[in-house]
Amino acid sequence: MTGQICDAVIIGRNEGERLKACLGSVQGLFRRVIYVDSGSTDGSQAAAAALGAEVVTLDLSQPFTAARARNAGLAQLAGDPPDLVQFLDGDCRMDPDWPAQARAFLAAQADVAVVCGRRREIAPEASVYNRLADAEWDTPVGEARACGGDAMMRYAPLVALGGYRADLIAGEEPELCLRLRQAGFRIWRLDAEMTLHDAAVAVVAADASRGPCLCRRGRASWGGTRAALGGGDAPGAALGRGASTGHGDRRAALCAAVAFAADLAAAMAASAPQDGGRAQFFYPARALS
């Protein structure tokens, strides 16, 4: 329709069947599909290769971040770069009509560098965490200040600005969108179905052998809250308080803060030591991707 070449970059870690569903949903929609793996131990690399993806495995000696993984996907495309790149998390499934709609919009709007649509939670009724995620994905239609992890972008300006900031463990999308807007580009949210997300978060539990750590819900909740409220060095400080930031607006920040506080309290209560020892807690969700 548009003549623009579009490739896909998918990131993940230990997504299992979710990754297979993700890769199955993009079959035939893109010229190339790059899968960047962050230390999976569940056979994700082999599964992705079997489904036709080009597999990039991140160096285990460096900390994993979603930003670092997406940058590795961009680097894989550098030898034969596309016009557009669709980013997709490995726990999401793509709507088959989305790529054509996004490409057509970008072809008609030369100053738009990023376009995203509606990401929905697959089972919002399964838990309060899933419901909060689904509400967070429901961002206003029209010009936006930021996007989330799933989005179609123009390759050239993205690479020219250095890609994502790899040291951010959260908030990397609003930070990138801020730089794109400062360079004169716009970000747009279409009224169109884009992806289905599988949070698969239901409970918190304790396991003293694991030590304290947080799953993606805690990471996203805390990072999103800091970004939206302008805390510290998060991108929200530059975006401005009260501004709509896509996944980082104030409503989402409030939901995220409540979720993070509830998660933390539940985890600490669940892990209360019986022998007077020091409490340790973790979230039994799959590892960060």
Foldseek 3Di string as FASTA:
>chain_A
DQPFAEEEEEEDAQLPVLLLQALVQCPPVHPAYEYEYEDHPPCSQVSCVVSPHHYHYDDNVDDDAPQVRVVVVLVVCVVPHTQKYWFDYSNKHWDSPPVVVQSVVCSVPVQAFKEEEAEAEPCCPQAVLNVLVRVLRPADFFWAQWEDRTIMGGSVVCVVVPHWDRVQREQRTSVSSNVSVVVRGTYGYHHDGTIYGYQVAHDWAFDVVVFADEAVLLSHLVLLLCLACVHDPHVVVVVDHQGGHRSRHPVSNVSSVVVNVVNVVRQQVRQPDPPPDDGGTYGPDDHYD
